Amino acid sequence: MVGKKEELVYVDKHGKRLDGRKVDEVRPIKIEVGILNRADGSCYLEWGQNKILAAVYGPREALPKHIQNPYKALVNYSYRMASFSVPERKNPKPARREIEISKVCGEALEKAIFLERFPNTTIDVFVEILDSNAGTRVAALSAASVALVDAGIPMKDIVCACGVGKAGSQVITDLNKEEEDAPDAVDIPMAIMPKTGEIVLLQMDGLLSREEWKKCLEMGVKGCMQVYELQKEALKKKYAQTESTQNMEQSSETVAMEKNGEGEFT
């Protein structure tokens, strides 16, 4: 007789999840800004196992010309998963899921950008998922928002995103792959603009009670704010390094000019 399969406990009696996190804790996040020299703005983000590269080009003339909007810029958001980003090789052709994510994330960024300042142009945002382990759309959107800031595109605020949901009858923040595969799993990717409190992305896969939804909303916003602080820190670090480098270069030029005046250099 085959024994009964042991039920997986997603949150133990101490409030710890399968990977040791608390119910409201996001996975470790690392953000680097301006890593692609040929892009107008770029960002590399690690979120748990997820590894994501985002690049922004523009605003630049929208071509062909019949797509131009004389009143605002167009945002072209391209979300793609590399063939090697998942355990079994993915077909490189864009799947319906990638097309859907590209659409909703592009619309989320449109809410944050002052599009009316750049008529007849496009702002192209390319996001490549190099390694995937649940929550890639919110991680990609967060990386893309940082890349837009790096490109110098005027925005109302940084878009910060985080996932929230349910696994094993427990409401949790930032689901990983095991939690997403729970029998009662509910996944809610969401994104906000903290300064206005506006929710620019909200999707839900599954069913929740009214109380569970209220808790998810509260925990989701809290998760987004944690990401927001990390985004700001990464941007400040990048521009602090840039300013330091410029000061060093100016100092070196001044010293060289002074030495040239003394005849030590030709």
C-alpha atoms as a PDB file:
ATOM      1  CA  MET A   1       0.000   0.000   0.000  1.00  0.00           C
ATOM      2  CA  VAL A   2       1.355   3.338  -1.026  1.00  0.00           C
ATOM      3  CA  GLY A   3       1.755   5.747   1.910  1.00  0.00           C
ATOM      4  CA  LYS A   4       0.013   9.081   1.962  1.00  0.00           C
ATOM      5  CA  LYS A   5       2.088  11.857   0.400  1.00  0.00           C
ATOM      6  CA  GLU A   6       3.331  14.315   2.997  1.00  0.00           C
ATOM      7  CA  GLU A   7       1.771  17.759   2.609  1.00  0.00           C
ATOM      8  CA  LEU A   8       4.246  20.579   2.118  1.00  0.00           C
ATOM      9  CA  VAL A   9       4.190  23.268   4.818  1.00  0.00           C
ATOM     10  CA  TYR A  10       4.808  26.665   3.201  1.00  0.00           C
ATOM     11  CA  VAL A  11       4.907  28.625   6.478  1.00  0.00           C
ATOM     12  CA  ASP A  12       5.892  26.800   9.671  1.00  0.00           C
ATOM     13  CA  LYS A  13       4.728  27.478  13.222  1.00  0.00           C
ATOM     14  CA  HIS A  14       7.600  29.941  13.684  1.00  0.00           C
ATOM     15  CA  GLY A  15       6.432  32.038  10.715  1.00  0.00           C
ATOM     16  CA  LYS A  16       9.298  30.876   8.491  1.00  0.00           C
ATOM     17  CA  ARG A  17       8.885  29.930   4.832  1.00  0.00           C
ATOM     18  CA  LEU A  18      10.569  27.166   2.847  1.00  0.00           C
ATOM     19  CA  ASP A  19      13.569  29.375   2.077  1.00  0.00           C
ATOM     20  CA  GLY A  20      13.808  30.792   5.608  1.00  0.00           C
ATOM     21  CA  ARG A  21      12.143  34.135   4.908  1.00  0.00           C
ATOM     22  CA  LYS A  22       9.398  35.765   6.962  1.00  0.00           C
ATOM     23  CA  VAL A  23       5.951  36.049   5.376  1.00  0.00           C
ATOM     24  CA  ASP A  24       6.491  39.750   4.515  1.00  0.00           C
ATOM     25  CA  GLU A  25      10.135  39.500   3.449  1.00  0.00           C
ATOM     26  CA  VAL A  26      11.356  39.892  -0.135  1.00  0.00           C
ATOM     27  CA  ARG A  27      14.245  37.903  -1.545  1.00  0.00           C
ATOM     28  CA  PRO A  28      17.713  39.538  -1.643  1.00  0.00           C
ATOM     29  CA  ILE A  29      17.900  42.253  -4.321  1.00  0.00           C
ATOM     30  CA  LYS A  30      20.972  43.686  -6.028  1.00  0.00           C
ATOM     31  CA  ILE A  31      20.745  46.616  -8.483  1.00  0.00           C
ATOM     32  CA  GLU A  32      23.506  48.062 -10.692  1.00  0.00           C
ATOM     33  CA  VAL A  33      22.898  51.153 -12.833  1.00  0.00           C
ATOM     34  CA  GLY A  34      24.469  52.193 -16.140  1.00  0.00           C
ATOM     35  CA  ILE A  35      26.224  48.991 -17.114  1.00  0.00           C
ATOM     36  CA  LEU A  36      25.670  49.235 -20.913  1.00  0.00           C
ATOM     37  CA  ASN A  37      27.669  51.995 -22.585  1.00  0.00           C
ATOM     38  CA  ARG A  38      25.724  51.913 -25.867  1.00  0.00           C
ATOM     39  CA  ALA A  39      22.309  52.285 -24.209  1.00  0.00           C
ATOM     40  CA  ASP A  40      20.927  55.653 -23.130  1.00  0.00           C
ATOM     41  CA  GLY A  41      20.096  54.050 -19.786  1.00  0.00           C
ATOM     42  CA  SER A  42      20.561  50.567 -18.373  1.00  0.00           C
ATOM     43  CA  CYS A  43      20.175  48.428 -15.278  1.00  0.00           C
ATOM     44  CA  TYR A  44      21.189  44.968 -14.112  1.00  0.00           C
ATOM     45  CA  LEU A  45      19.047  43.466 -11.366  1.00  0.00           C
ATOM     46  CA  GLU A  46      19.301  40.292  -9.317  1.00  0.00           C
ATOM     47  CA  TRP A  47      16.218  39.352  -7.321  1.00  0.00           C
ATOM     48  CA  GLY A  48      16.706  36.026  -5.610  1.00  0.00           C
ATOM     49  CA  GLN A  49      17.673  33.707  -8.455  1.00  0.00           C
ATOM     50  CA  ASN A  50      16.227  36.073 -11.087  1.00  0.00           C
ATOM     51  CA  LYS A  51      18.829  37.876 -13.182  1.00  0.00           C
ATOM     52  CA  ILE A  52      17.588  40.657 -15.445  1.00  0.00           C
ATOM     53  CA  LEU A  53      19.119  43.138 -17.865  1.00  0.00           C
ATOM     54  CA  ALA A  54      17.219  46.274 -18.927  1.00  0.00           C
ATOM     55  CA  ALA A  55      18.209  48.830 -21.566  1.00  0.00           C
ATOM     56  CA  VAL A  56      16.511  52.052 -22.680  1.00  0.00           C
ATOM     57  CA  TYR A  57      16.965  53.858 -26.001  1.00  0.00           C
ATOM     58  CA  GLY A  58      15.379  57.204 -26.763  1.00  0.00           C
ATOM     59  CA  PRO A  59      13.394  59.289 -27.001  1.00  0.00           C
ATOM     60  CA  ARG A  60      14.144  58.909 -30.713  1.00  0.00           C
ATOM     61  CA  GLU A  61      12.172  59.473 -33.904  1.00  0.00           C
ATOM     62  CA  ALA A  62       9.314  57.002 -34.252  1.00  0.00           C
ATOM     63  CA  LEU A  63       9.696  54.975 -37.437  1.00  0.00           C
ATOM     64  CA  PRO A  64       7.886  54.228 -39.672  1.00  0.00           C
ATOM     65  CA  LYS A  65       6.371  57.681 -39.564  1.00  0.00           C
ATOM     66  CA  HIS A  66       2.748  56.504 -39.667  1.00  0.00           C
ATOM     67  CA  ILE A  67       3.069  55.278 -36.032  1.00  0.00           C
ATOM     68  CA  GLN A  68       4.042  58.747 -34.778  1.00  0.00           C
ATOM     69  CA  ASN A  69       1.779  60.494 -32.299  1.00  0.00           C
ATOM     70  CA  PRO A  70       1.995  64.310 -32.548  1.00  0.00           C
ATOM     71  CA  TYR A  71       0.851  64.650 -28.936  1.00  0.00           C
ATOM     72  CA  LYS A  72       3.098  62.226 -27.051  1.00  0.00           C
ATOM     73  CA  ALA A  73       5.860  59.642 -27.159  1.00  0.00           C
ATOM     74  CA  LEU A  74       5.196  55.931 -27.592  1.00  0.00           C
ATOM     75  CA  VAL A  75       6.611  53.430 -25.113  1.00  0.00           C
ATOM     76  CA  ASN A  76       7.749  50.150 -26.646  1.00  0.00           C
ATOM     77  CA  TYR A  77       8.395  47.685 -23.831  1.00  0.00           C
ATOM     78  CA  SER A  78       9.894  44.366 -24.880  1.00  0.00           C
ATOM     79  CA  TYR A  79      10.021  41.559 -22.277  1.00  0.00           C
ATOM     80  CA  ARG A  80      11.908  38.470 -23.393  1.00  0.00           C
ATOM     81  CA  MET A  81      13.082  35.331 -21.645  1.00  0.00           C
ATOM     82  CA  ALA A  82      16.388  33.857 -22.822  1.00  0.00           C
ATOM     83  CA  SER A  83      16.235  30.254 -24.014  1.00  0.00           C
ATOM     84  CA  PHE A  84      18.543  29.243 -21.149  1.00  0.00           C
ATOM     85  CA  SER A  85      16.635  31.156 -18.435  1.00  0.00           C
ATOM     86  CA  VAL A  86      14.489  28.158 -17.412  1.00  0.00           C
ATOM     87  CA  PRO A  87      15.348  24.489 -16.628  1.00  0.00           C
ATOM     88  CA  GLU A  88      14.008  23.215 -19.970  1.00  0.00           C
ATOM     89  CA  ARG A  89      15.125  25.160 -23.035  1.00  0.00           C
ATOM     90  CA  LYS A  90      12.564  27.774 -24.007  1.00  0.00           C
ATOM     91  CA  ASN A  91      11.545  28.416 -27.577  1.00  0.00           C
ATOM     92  CA  PRO A  92      13.215  31.738 -28.509  1.00  0.00           C
ATOM     93  CA  LYS A  93      10.043  32.861 -30.262  1.00  0.00           C
ATOM     94  CA  PRO A  94       8.056  35.310 -28.058  1.00  0.00           C
ATOM     95  CA  ALA A  95       5.260  33.430 -26.303  1.00  0.00           C
ATOM     96  CA  ARG A  96       1.792  34.799 -25.504  1.00  0.00           C
ATOM     97  CA  ARG A  97       2.891  35.346 -21.894  1.00  0.00           C
ATOM     98  CA  GLU A  98       5.824  37.531 -22.990  1.00  0.00           C
ATOM     99  CA  ILE A  99       3.580  39.565 -25.283  1.00  0.00           C
ATOM    100  CA  GLU A 100       1.046  40.077 -22.463  1.00  0.00           C
ATOM    101  CA  ILE A 101       3.738  41.103 -19.948  1.00  0.00           C
ATOM    102  CA  SER A 102       5.259  43.503 -22.494  1.00  0.00           C
ATOM    103  CA  LYS A 103       1.861  45.173 -22.910  1.00  0.00           C
ATOM    104  CA  VAL A 104       0.914  45.593 -19.237  1.00  0.00           C
ATOM    105  CA  CYS A 105       4.406  46.682 -18.130  1.00  0.00           C
ATOM    106  CA  GLY A 106       4.657  49.197 -20.959  1.00  0.00           C
ATOM    107  CA  GLU A 107       1.310  50.662 -19.901  1.00  0.00           C
ATOM    108  CA  ALA A 108       2.540  50.850 -16.291  1.00  0.00           C
ATOM    109  CA  LEU A 109       5.606  52.874 -17.333  1.00  0.00           C
ATOM    110  CA  GLU A 110       3.494  55.180 -19.504  1.00  0.00           C
ATOM    111  CA  LYS A 111       1.745  56.352 -16.333  1.00  0.00           C
ATOM    112  CA  ALA A 112       5.067  57.542 -14.902  1.00  0.00           C
ATOM    113  CA  ILE A 113       6.699  59.205 -17.936  1.00  0.00           C
ATOM    114  CA  PHE A 114       5.970  62.761 -19.128  1.00  0.00           C
ATOM    115  CA  LEU A 115       5.156  61.484 -22.618  1.00  0.00           C
ATOM    116  CA  GLU A 116       3.713  64.807 -23.816  1.00  0.00           C
ATOM    117  CA  ARG A 117       7.215  66.336 -23.799  1.00  0.00           C
ATOM    118  CA  PHE A 118       8.391  64.087 -26.643  1.00  0.00           C
ATOM    119  CA  PRO A 119       5.845  64.041 -29.499  1.00  0.00           C
ATOM    120  CA  ASN A 120       6.510  61.898 -32.582  1.00  0.00           C
ATOM    121  CA  THR A 121       9.091  59.776 -30.766  1.00  0.00           C
ATOM    122  CA  THR A 122       9.467  56.318 -29.249  1.00  0.00           C
ATOM    123  CA  ILE A 123      11.049  55.279 -25.969  1.00  0.00           C
ATOM    124  CA  ASP A 124      12.272  51.721 -26.429  1.00  0.00           C
ATOM    125  CA  VAL A 125      12.687  49.567 -23.331  1.00  0.00           C
ATOM    126  CA  PHE A 126      14.282  46.140 -23.760  1.00  0.00           C
ATOM    127  CA  VAL A 127      14.260  43.672 -20.870  1.00  0.00           C
ATOM    128  CA  GLU A 128      16.019  40.309 -21.062  1.00  0.00           C
ATOM    129  CA  ILE A 129      15.463  37.615 -18.430  1.00  0.00           C
ATOM    130  CA  LEU A 130      18.757  35.764 -18.095  1.00  0.00           C
ATOM    131  CA  ASP A 131      17.721  33.509 -15.198  1.00  0.00           C
ATOM    132  CA  SER A 132      14.192  32.960 -13.936  1.00  0.00           C
ATOM    133  CA  ASN A 133      12.639  31.842 -10.660  1.00  0.00           C
ATOM    134  CA  ALA A 134       9.188  33.421 -10.238  1.00  0.00           C
ATOM    135  CA  GLY A 135       8.324  37.113 -10.056  1.00  0.00           C
ATOM    136  CA  THR A 136      10.147  38.081 -13.243  1.00  0.00           C
ATOM    137  CA  ARG A 137       7.562  40.623 -14.415  1.00  0.00           C
ATOM    138  CA  VAL A 138       7.811  42.749 -11.255  1.00  0.00           C
ATOM    139  CA  ALA A 139      11.596  42.419 -11.199  1.00  0.00           C
ATOM    140  CA  ALA A 140      11.799  43.373 -14.884  1.00  0.00           C
ATOM    141  CA  LEU A 141       9.502  46.374 -14.396  1.00  0.00           C
ATOM    142  CA  SER A 142      11.580  47.583 -11.446  1.00  0.00           C
ATOM    143  CA  ALA A 143      14.786  47.257 -13.488  1.00  0.00           C
ATOM    144  CA  ALA A 144      13.241  49.029 -16.482  1.00  0.00           C
ATOM    145  CA  SER A 145      12.142  51.958 -14.311  1.00  0.00           C
ATOM    146  CA  VAL A 146      15.694  52.405 -13.011  1.00  0.00           C
ATOM    147  CA  ALA A 147      17.033  52.268 -16.572  1.00  0.00           C
ATOM    148  CA  LEU A 148      14.592  55.026 -17.589  1.00  0.00           C
ATOM    149  CA  VAL A 149      15.888  57.251 -14.807  1.00  0.00           C
ATOM    150  CA  ASP A 150      19.446  56.466 -15.895  1.00  0.00           C
ATOM    151  CA  ALA A 151      18.511  57.558 -19.430  1.00  0.00           C
ATOM    152  CA  GLY A 152      17.490  60.969 -18.071  1.00  0.00           C
ATOM    153  CA  ILE A 153      13.862  60.618 -19.132  1.00  0.00           C
ATOM    154  CA  PRO A 154      11.628  62.898 -17.017  1.00  0.00           C
ATOM    155  CA  MET A 155       9.254  60.879 -14.832  1.00  0.00           C
ATOM    156  CA  LYS A 156       6.668  61.617 -12.163  1.00  0.00           C
ATOM    157  CA  ASP A 157       8.241  58.942  -9.973  1.00  0.00           C
ATOM    158  CA  ILE A 158      10.118  55.661 -10.082  1.00  0.00           C
ATOM    159  CA  VAL A 159       7.839  52.694 -10.658  1.00  0.00           C
ATOM    160  CA  CYS A 160       8.501  50.051  -8.012  1.00  0.00           C
ATOM    161  CA  ALA A 161       6.972  46.582  -8.170  1.00  0.00           C
ATOM    162  CA  CYS A 162       6.639  43.486  -6.026  1.00  0.00           C
ATOM    163  CA  GLY A 163       4.642  40.280  -5.986  1.00  0.00           C
ATOM    164  CA  VAL A 164       2.326  39.152  -3.211  1.00  0.00           C
ATOM    165  CA  GLY A 165      -0.097  36.270  -2.875  1.00  0.00           C
ATOM    166  CA  LYS A 166      -1.014  33.106  -1.046  1.00  0.00           C
ATOM    167  CA  ALA A 167       0.455  29.632  -0.579  1.00  0.00           C
ATOM    168  CA  GLY A 168      -0.602  26.999   1.938  1.00  0.00           C
ATOM    169  CA  SER A 169      -3.459  29.265   3.115  1.00  0.00           C
ATOM    170  CA  GLN A 170      -0.894  31.917   4.146  1.00  0.00           C
ATOM    171  CA  VAL A 171      -0.623  35.404   2.656  1.00  0.00           C
ATOM    172  CA  ILE A 172       3.021  36.004   1.717  1.00  0.00           C
ATOM    173  CA  THR A 173       5.179  38.558  -0.079  1.00  0.00           C
ATOM    174  CA  ASP A 174       7.362  37.828  -3.129  1.00  0.00           C
ATOM    175  CA  LEU A 175       6.455  34.226  -3.963  1.00  0.00           C
ATOM    176  CA  ASN A 176       9.228  31.944  -5.213  1.00  0.00           C
ATOM    177  CA  LYS A 177       8.714  29.097  -7.691  1.00  0.00           C
ATOM    178  CA  GLU A 178       7.762  26.486  -5.066  1.00  0.00           C
ATOM    179  CA  GLU A 179       5.186  28.831  -3.561  1.00  0.00           C
ATOM    180  CA  GLU A 180       3.764  29.722  -6.972  1.00  0.00           C
ATOM    181  CA  ASP A 181       3.223  25.991  -7.572  1.00  0.00           C
ATOM    182  CA  ALA A 182       1.263  25.468  -4.324  1.00  0.00           C
ATOM    183  CA  PRO A 183      -2.186  23.837  -4.814  1.00  0.00           C
ATOM    184  CA  ASP A 184      -3.976  26.951  -3.514  1.00  0.00           C
ATOM    185  CA  ALA A 185      -1.471  29.459  -4.895  1.00  0.00           C
ATOM    186  CA  VAL A 186      -2.577  33.012  -5.684  1.00  0.00           C
ATOM    187  CA  ASP A 187      -0.116  35.337  -7.416  1.00  0.00           C
ATOM    188  CA  ILE A 188      -0.609  39.125  -7.493  1.00  0.00           C
ATOM    189  CA  PRO A 189       2.039  41.202  -9.278  1.00  0.00           C
ATOM    190  CA  MET A 190       1.623  44.881  -8.461  1.00  0.00           C
ATOM    191  CA  ALA A 191       3.464  48.150  -9.073  1.00  0.00           C
ATOM    192  CA  ILE A 192       3.009  51.621  -7.623  1.00  0.00           C
ATOM    193  CA  MET A 193       4.279  55.192  -7.827  1.00  0.00           C
ATOM    194  CA  PRO A 194       4.959  55.982  -4.147  1.00  0.00           C
ATOM    195  CA  LYS A 195       4.748  59.781  -4.396  1.00  0.00           C
ATOM    196  CA  THR A 196       1.172  59.707  -5.692  1.00  0.00           C
ATOM    197  CA  GLY A 197       0.156  56.335  -4.252  1.00  0.00           C
ATOM    198  CA  GLU A 198      -1.119  55.334  -7.686  1.00  0.00           C
ATOM    199  CA  ILE A 199      -1.229  51.625  -8.542  1.00  0.00           C
ATOM    200  CA  VAL A 200      -0.014  51.273 -12.139  1.00  0.00           C
ATOM    201  CA  LEU A 201       0.008  47.472 -12.361  1.00  0.00           C
ATOM    202  CA  LEU A 202      -2.299  45.008 -10.612  1.00  0.00           C
ATOM    203  CA  GLN A 203      -3.050  41.485 -11.774  1.00  0.00           C
ATOM    204  CA  MET A 204      -4.333  38.436  -9.933  1.00  0.00           C
ATOM    205  CA  ASP A 205      -4.241  34.739 -10.707  1.00  0.00           C
ATOM    206  CA  GLY A 206      -6.470  32.868  -8.224  1.00  0.00           C
ATOM    207  CA  LEU A 207      -9.157  33.534  -5.617  1.00  0.00           C
ATOM    208  CA  LEU A 208      -8.977  35.400  -2.300  1.00  0.00           C
ATOM    209  CA  SER A 209     -11.391  36.307   0.452  1.00  0.00           C
ATOM    210  CA  ARG A 210     -12.045  39.979   1.195  1.00  0.00           C
ATOM    211  CA  GLU A 211      -9.802  39.852   4.275  1.00  0.00           C
ATOM    212  CA  GLU A 212      -7.024  38.065   2.395  1.00  0.00           C
ATOM    213  CA  TRP A 213      -7.193  40.715  -0.325  1.00  0.00           C
ATOM    214  CA  LYS A 214      -6.868  43.544   2.197  1.00  0.00           C
ATOM    215  CA  LYS A 215      -3.837  41.858   3.713  1.00  0.00           C
ATOM    216  CA  CYS A 216      -2.312  41.236   0.282  1.00  0.00           C
ATOM    217  CA  LEU A 217      -2.721  44.893  -0.668  1.00  0.00           C
ATOM    218  CA  GLU A 218      -1.063  46.059   2.544  1.00  0.00           C
ATOM    219  CA  MET A 219       1.840  43.605   2.238  1.00  0.00           C
ATOM    220  CA  GLY A 220       2.234  44.272  -1.484  1.00  0.00           C
ATOM    221  CA  VAL A 221       2.608  48.029  -0.971  1.00  0.00           C
ATOM    222  CA  LYS A 222       5.103  47.368   1.819  1.00  0.00           C
ATOM    223  CA  GLY A 223       7.121  45.118  -0.517  1.00  0.00           C
ATOM    224  CA  CYS A 224       7.045  47.745  -3.265  1.00  0.00           C
ATOM    225  CA  MET A 225       8.383  50.351  -0.851  1.00  0.00           C
ATOM    226  CA  GLN A 226      11.301  48.084   0.070  1.00  0.00           C
ATOM    227  CA  VAL A 227      12.153  47.832  -3.629  1.00  0.00           C
ATOM    228  CA  TYR A 228      11.741  51.617  -4.011  1.00  0.00           C
ATOM    229  CA  GLU A 229      14.401  52.301  -1.389  1.00  0.00           C
ATOM    230  CA  LEU A 230      16.833  49.917  -3.106  1.00  0.00           C
ATOM    231  CA  GLN A 231      16.189  51.570  -6.475  1.00  0.00           C
ATOM    232  CA  LYS A 232      16.978  55.009  -5.037  1.00  0.00           C
ATOM    233  CA  GLU A 233      20.116  53.738  -3.312  1.00  0.00           C
ATOM    234  CA  ALA A 234      21.402  52.205  -6.568  1.00  0.00           C
ATOM    235  CA  LEU A 235      20.793  55.438  -8.504  1.00  0.00           C
ATOM    236  CA  LYS A 236      22.440  57.597  -5.823  1.00  0.00           C
ATOM    237  CA  LYS A 237      25.452  55.265  -5.792  1.00  0.00           C
ATOM    238  CA  LYS A 238      25.842  55.461  -9.559  1.00  0.00           C
ATOM    239  CA  TYR A 239      25.750  59.254  -9.689  1.00  0.00           C
ATOM    240  CA  ALA A 240      27.980  59.622  -6.651  1.00  0.00           C
ATOM    241  CA  GLN A 241      30.576  57.482  -8.437  1.00  0.00           C
ATOM    242  CA  THR A 242      30.140  59.513 -11.637  1.00  0.00           C
ATOM    243  CA  GLU A 243      30.647  62.794  -9.764  1.00  0.00           C
ATOM    244  CA  SER A 244      33.706  61.394  -7.979  1.00  0.00           C
ATOM    245  CA  THR A 245      35.213  60.240 -11.289  1.00  0.00           C
ATOM    246  CA  GLN A 246      34.600  63.644 -12.900  1.00  0.00           C
ATOM    247  CA  ASN A 247      36.235  65.429  -9.963  1.00  0.00           C
ATOM    248  CA  MET A 248      39.276  63.154 -10.207  1.00  0.00           C
ATOM    249  CA  GLU A 249      39.559  63.775 -13.958  1.00  0.00           C
ATOM    250  CA  GLN A 250      39.294  67.550 -13.470  1.00  0.00           C
ATOM    251  CA  SER A 251      41.925  67.413 -10.738  1.00  0.00           C
ATOM    252  CA  SER A 252      44.289  65.420 -12.983  1.00  0.00           C
ATOM    253  CA  GLU A 253      43.791  67.900 -15.848  1.00  0.00           C
ATOM    254  CA  THR A 254      44.546  70.827 -13.532  1.00  0.00           C
ATOM    255  CA  VAL A 255      47.750  69.203 -12.291  1.00  0.00           C
ATOM    256  CA  ALA A 256      48.840  68.438 -15.865  1.00  0.00           C
ATOM    257  CA  MET A 257      48.175  72.025 -16.968  1.00  0.00           C
ATOM    258  CA  GLU A 258      50.173  73.391 -14.025  1.00  0.00           C
ATOM    259  CA  LYS A 259      53.090  71.109 -14.818  1.00  0.00           C
ATOM    260  CA  ASN A 260      52.937  72.106 -18.482  1.00  0.00           C
ATOM    261  CA  GLY A 261      53.252  75.721 -17.407  1.00  0.00           C
ATOM    262  CA  GLU A 262      56.449  74.864 -15.491  1.00  0.00           C
ATOM    263  CA  GLY A 263      57.944  73.171 -18.535  1.00  0.00           C
ATOM    264  CA  GLU A 264      57.987  69.682 -17.058  1.00  0.00           C
ATOM    265  CA  PHE A 265      55.702  68.313 -19.785  1.00  0.00           C
ATOM    266  CA  THR A 266      55.645  68.997 -23.503  1.00  0.00           C
END
